[in-house]
Amino acid sequence: MFSNQACRKNGKNGIPPAPDTQIVYPLDSDTLNNALITCQWTGYDNAEEFRFKLDSNTWSAWKSDTSATVFLDEGMHTLIVTSRETEFNREDLTPDSIAFYIDAISGPALWIKKREIETTVSQPVSFTVLAEDVRDLMLGYIELTYDNAKIKIDSISPEEDFLTMNGGEIQMITEHADSLPYAKVTFGIIGGVPKGVSGTGSLFTVNFLLKSPDSTIIGFSASTNLRDTVNTTISLTGMWSCIIIPSE
């Protein structure tokens, strides 16, 4: 029988070869229609522990796990996975890497980027509210709901690139207070040729901090409403919330 110990003696001077790593799922260039995915990988040549890096995040801790479930935003993502063997502490010289695309939201819709935010208590952090696949957007009333015992909104500011793409001017009114479990944003686009904007883009950014070491959700109230250039309500397929997770 070909034992693991025998395998360890196959390298130069009795040192095993460096491990090799392969990402099993997703595949390179995949387009996935689910934001919650389980990435899977495997290792060869005495690979015993693994770690991974998603986008610009830091490397995970070394573990024997061969999968990780992640909650991702719309758009392109990169995944890098490496492995090591523990006796000689040799690491894969050529970690496996892939790029894949998340297309989980069909518009017209509203969503919060990032869909999942990990932060520490009292650490300033931000998220952006986006409109997905809208047509002739001109007016909006957006009400964000949250637990104000856990979340403190510091400021809300408009994102100009999308809303002014046709040369219009943004008018935005915001309302939020520590005593309120919601934040209100009313905006309109004045002028521009053609009127309104179409496509996918950022509406505004919210700066906030986590007040307590508890997971919580920021979402949209049912009174949220987008309107087009003839003041007709834009029917939304969904409004996608954000989960805030305290760092360990």
Protein backbone atom coordinates (compact mmCIF):
# COMPACT_ATOMS: atom_id res chain seq x y z
CA MET A 1 0.00 0.00 0.00
CA PHE A 2 1.31 3.47 -0.91
CA SER A 3 1.40 5.26 2.45
CA ASN A 4 1.55 8.96 3.23
CA GLN A 5 4.96 8.37 4.86
CA ALA A 6 6.27 6.84 1.64
CA CYS A 7 4.94 9.81 -0.26
CA ARG A 8 6.87 12.15 2.03
CA LYS A 9 10.17 10.49 1.02
CA ASN A 10 9.73 11.16 -2.69
CA GLY A 11 11.14 14.70 -2.58
CA LYS A 12 14.80 15.73 -2.81
CA ASN A 13 16.88 14.59 0.20
CA GLY A 14 13.78 13.11 1.78
CA ILE A 15 11.94 16.46 1.75
CA PRO A 16 8.54 16.17 0.08
CA PRO A 17 7.72 18.26 -2.99
CA ALA A 18 5.90 21.52 -2.45
CA PRO A 19 2.13 20.99 -2.34
CA ASP A 20 -0.12 21.80 -5.26
CA THR A 21 -3.57 23.42 -5.03
CA GLN A 22 -6.59 23.32 -7.33
CA ILE A 23 -9.80 25.36 -7.09
CA VAL A 24 -12.76 23.07 -7.81
CA TYR A 25 -15.60 25.62 -7.68
CA PRO A 26 -16.27 28.13 -9.11
CA LEU A 27 -14.47 27.64 -12.38
CA ASP A 28 -12.49 30.38 -14.04
CA SER A 29 -14.77 32.78 -16.02
CA ASP A 30 -17.96 31.38 -14.44
CA THR A 31 -21.02 33.64 -14.17
CA LEU A 32 -23.08 32.78 -11.07
CA ASN A 33 -26.63 33.90 -10.33
CA ASN A 34 -26.39 33.49 -6.56
CA ALA A 35 -24.63 35.88 -4.17
CA LEU A 36 -24.15 33.17 -1.51
CA ILE A 37 -21.67 30.62 -2.85
CA THR A 38 -19.49 27.87 -1.44
CA CYS A 39 -15.98 27.98 -2.89
CA GLN A 40 -14.29 24.57 -2.97
CA TRP A 41 -10.70 23.43 -3.51
CA THR A 42 -8.42 20.44 -3.13
CA GLY A 43 -4.72 19.79 -2.68
CA TYR A 44 -2.05 17.35 -3.85
CA ASP A 45 1.47 16.34 -2.82
CA ASN A 46 0.93 16.32 0.95
CA ALA A 47 -1.24 19.45 1.04
CA GLU A 48 -2.57 19.55 4.60
CA GLU A 49 -3.68 23.12 5.26
CA PHE A 50 -5.16 25.80 3.05
CA ARG A 51 -5.83 29.50 3.05
CA PHE A 52 -7.61 31.73 0.56
CA LYS A 53 -7.76 35.37 -0.51
CA LEU A 54 -10.89 36.89 -2.03
CA ASP A 55 -10.50 40.12 -4.01
CA SER A 56 -8.50 42.68 -2.02
CA ASN A 57 -9.28 41.11 1.36
CA THR A 58 -6.52 39.73 3.57
CA TRP A 59 -5.58 36.05 3.52
CA SER A 60 -7.67 33.75 5.66
CA ALA A 61 -6.09 31.73 8.46
CA TRP A 62 -4.50 28.36 7.67
CA LYS A 63 -7.06 25.57 8.08
CA SER A 64 -7.62 22.02 6.90
CA ASP A 65 -10.99 23.08 5.45
CA THR A 66 -11.42 22.62 1.70
CA SER A 67 -14.35 25.00 1.31
CA ALA A 68 -15.64 28.40 2.43
CA THR A 69 -19.07 29.97 2.06
CA VAL A 70 -19.03 33.67 1.13
CA PHE A 71 -21.63 36.36 0.43
CA LEU A 72 -20.61 38.48 -2.54
CA ASP A 73 -21.57 41.69 -4.30
CA GLU A 74 -22.53 41.94 -7.95
CA GLY A 75 -19.61 42.05 -10.36
CA MET A 76 -16.22 40.45 -10.97
CA HIS A 77 -14.34 38.66 -8.20
CA THR A 78 -10.98 36.94 -7.89
CA LEU A 79 -10.16 33.95 -5.68
CA ILE A 80 -6.66 32.72 -4.81
CA VAL A 81 -6.08 29.52 -2.83
CA THR A 82 -2.77 28.10 -1.63
CA SER A 83 -1.78 25.08 0.47
CA ARG A 84 1.09 23.87 2.65
CA GLU A 85 2.38 20.73 4.31
CA THR A 86 3.16 21.08 7.99
CA GLU A 87 6.21 18.84 8.61
CA PHE A 88 8.62 21.00 6.58
CA ASN A 89 6.25 24.00 6.32
CA ARG A 90 6.45 24.02 2.54
CA GLU A 91 3.88 26.13 0.68
CA ASP A 92 2.50 25.84 -2.84
CA LEU A 93 4.84 27.84 -5.10
CA THR A 94 2.07 28.54 -7.61
CA PRO A 95 -1.26 29.16 -5.81
CA ASP A 96 -4.35 28.54 -7.93
CA SER A 97 -6.38 31.60 -8.93
CA ILE A 98 -9.60 32.24 -10.82
CA ALA A 99 -11.85 35.15 -11.80
CA PHE A 100 -15.62 34.82 -11.82
CA TYR A 101 -18.70 37.05 -12.07
CA ILE A 102 -21.70 37.39 -9.75
CA ASP A 103 -24.95 38.35 -11.50
CA ALA A 104 -27.52 37.64 -8.78
CA ILE A 105 -29.70 40.76 -9.01
CA SER A 106 -32.08 41.31 -11.92
CA GLY A 107 -33.26 44.90 -12.19
CA PRO A 108 -34.86 47.25 -11.81
CA ALA A 109 -33.72 46.89 -8.20
CA LEU A 110 -32.03 48.58 -5.26
CA TRP A 111 -29.20 47.04 -3.30
CA ILE A 112 -26.55 47.89 -0.75
CA LYS A 113 -22.88 47.41 -1.53
CA LYS A 114 -21.35 45.63 0.25
CA ARG A 115 -23.97 42.98 0.85
CA GLU A 116 -21.94 41.83 3.87
CA ILE A 117 -19.74 44.12 5.95
CA GLU A 118 -17.39 42.94 8.67
CA THR A 119 -16.28 45.67 11.05
CA THR A 120 -15.31 46.38 14.64
CA VAL A 121 -17.31 48.39 17.16
CA SER A 122 -16.86 52.18 16.77
CA GLN A 123 -14.80 51.79 13.59
CA PRO A 124 -15.99 54.22 10.84
CA VAL A 125 -17.16 52.31 7.77
CA SER A 126 -19.38 52.99 4.76
CA PHE A 127 -21.69 51.39 2.23
CA THR A 128 -23.22 52.56 -1.05
CA VAL A 129 -26.82 52.29 -2.22
CA LEU A 130 -27.06 51.30 -5.89
CA ALA A 131 -29.80 51.27 -8.50
CA GLU A 132 -29.63 48.19 -10.75
CA ASP A 133 -30.86 48.25 -14.37
CA VAL A 134 -33.18 51.25 -14.01
CA ARG A 135 -34.66 53.19 -16.92
CA ASP A 136 -35.26 56.96 -16.97
CA LEU A 137 -34.70 57.37 -13.22
CA MET A 138 -35.39 60.96 -12.19
CA LEU A 139 -36.78 61.00 -8.63
CA GLY A 140 -36.35 58.85 -5.58
CA TYR A 141 -37.40 58.46 -1.97
CA ILE A 142 -35.33 55.86 -0.13
CA GLU A 143 -35.87 54.91 3.49
CA LEU A 144 -33.22 52.74 5.11
CA THR A 145 -34.23 50.84 8.25
CA TYR A 146 -31.91 49.58 10.98
CA ASP A 147 -31.58 49.05 14.73
CA ASN A 148 -30.38 52.41 16.05
CA ALA A 149 -29.20 50.70 19.24
CA LYS A 150 -26.60 48.96 17.06
CA ILE A 151 -26.03 51.39 14.17
CA LYS A 152 -25.10 55.08 14.20
CA ILE A 153 -25.39 56.96 10.90
CA ASP A 154 -22.78 59.71 10.66
CA SER A 155 -23.41 61.17 7.20
CA ILE A 156 -25.04 60.57 3.81
CA SER A 157 -23.58 62.01 0.61
CA PRO A 158 -24.66 61.78 -3.06
CA GLU A 159 -22.68 59.84 -5.65
CA GLU A 160 -22.47 62.06 -8.71
CA ASP A 161 -21.07 59.91 -11.52
CA PHE A 162 -24.26 57.97 -12.25
CA LEU A 163 -26.90 60.57 -11.39
CA THR A 164 -25.22 63.34 -13.42
CA MET A 165 -24.21 61.21 -16.41
CA ASN A 166 -26.59 63.13 -18.73
CA GLY A 167 -25.53 66.54 -17.49
CA GLY A 168 -28.21 66.99 -14.84
CA GLU A 169 -27.82 68.40 -11.35
CA ILE A 170 -28.55 66.44 -8.16
CA GLN A 171 -30.79 67.78 -5.44
CA MET A 172 -30.74 65.60 -2.32
CA ILE A 173 -32.29 65.95 1.13
CA THR A 174 -31.33 63.56 3.93
CA GLU A 175 -32.80 62.94 7.38
CA HIS A 176 -31.23 60.82 10.12
CA ALA A 177 -30.70 61.04 13.87
CA ASP A 178 -29.34 58.82 16.64
CA SER A 179 -32.84 58.56 18.11
CA LEU A 180 -34.39 57.26 14.87
CA PRO A 181 -34.35 53.67 13.50
CA TYR A 182 -34.32 54.90 9.91
CA ALA A 183 -32.62 57.30 7.49
CA LYS A 184 -34.52 59.08 4.72
CA VAL A 185 -33.03 60.19 1.41
CA THR A 186 -35.05 62.18 -1.14
CA PHE A 187 -33.36 63.07 -4.43
CA GLY A 188 -34.14 64.48 -7.84
CA ILE A 189 -32.25 65.14 -11.05
CA ILE A 190 -32.72 68.65 -12.48
CA GLY A 191 -32.03 69.16 -16.18
CA GLY A 192 -29.86 66.95 -18.36
CA VAL A 193 -30.28 65.70 -21.92
CA PRO A 194 -32.01 63.35 -22.04
CA LYS A 195 -33.76 63.76 -18.72
CA GLY A 196 -33.19 61.12 -16.07
CA VAL A 197 -30.58 58.36 -16.14
CA SER A 198 -30.64 54.70 -17.14
CA GLY A 199 -28.47 51.72 -16.26
CA THR A 200 -26.72 50.67 -13.06
CA GLY A 201 -24.94 53.00 -10.68
CA SER A 202 -24.39 54.41 -7.21
CA LEU A 203 -26.96 56.78 -5.70
CA PHE A 204 -25.40 57.76 -2.38
CA THR A 205 -22.90 56.65 0.27
CA VAL A 206 -23.70 56.20 3.96
CA ASN A 207 -20.98 56.57 6.60
CA PHE A 208 -21.76 54.77 9.83
CA LEU A 209 -20.35 52.85 12.75
CA LEU A 210 -21.36 49.75 14.68
CA LYS A 211 -22.33 50.59 18.26
CA SER A 212 -22.49 47.07 19.75
CA PRO A 213 -20.78 43.71 19.05
CA ASP A 214 -23.89 42.16 17.50
CA SER A 215 -24.79 41.22 13.93
CA THR A 216 -27.49 43.42 12.45
CA ILE A 217 -29.17 44.26 9.15
CA ILE A 218 -29.65 47.49 7.21
CA GLY A 219 -32.52 47.27 4.73
CA PHE A 220 -35.14 49.23 2.79
CA SER A 221 -38.62 50.09 4.02
CA ALA A 222 -41.70 49.38 1.89
CA SER A 223 -42.22 53.11 1.41
CA THR A 224 -39.07 53.35 -0.73
CA ASN A 225 -39.99 54.56 -4.20
CA LEU A 226 -38.24 55.41 -7.47
CA ARG A 227 -39.91 57.43 -10.25
CA ASP A 228 -39.14 58.02 -13.91
CA THR A 229 -39.22 61.13 -16.10
CA VAL A 230 -43.04 61.11 -16.37
CA ASN A 231 -43.39 60.64 -12.58
CA THR A 232 -44.42 56.99 -12.90
CA THR A 233 -43.30 54.57 -10.19
CA ILE A 234 -40.49 52.28 -11.33
CA SER A 235 -41.54 48.74 -10.42
CA LEU A 236 -38.67 47.04 -8.58
CA THR A 237 -37.89 43.33 -8.64
CA GLY A 238 -36.38 43.58 -5.18
CA MET A 239 -34.54 45.66 -2.58
CA TRP A 240 -31.48 43.84 -1.27
CA SER A 241 -30.29 44.51 2.27
CA CYS A 242 -26.87 44.41 3.94
CA ILE A 243 -25.76 42.38 6.94
CA ILE A 244 -23.25 43.90 9.38
CA ILE A 245 -21.04 41.39 11.21
CA PRO A 246 -18.74 42.28 14.14
CA SER A 247 -15.14 41.19 13.66
CA GLU A 248 -13.89 38.42 15.92
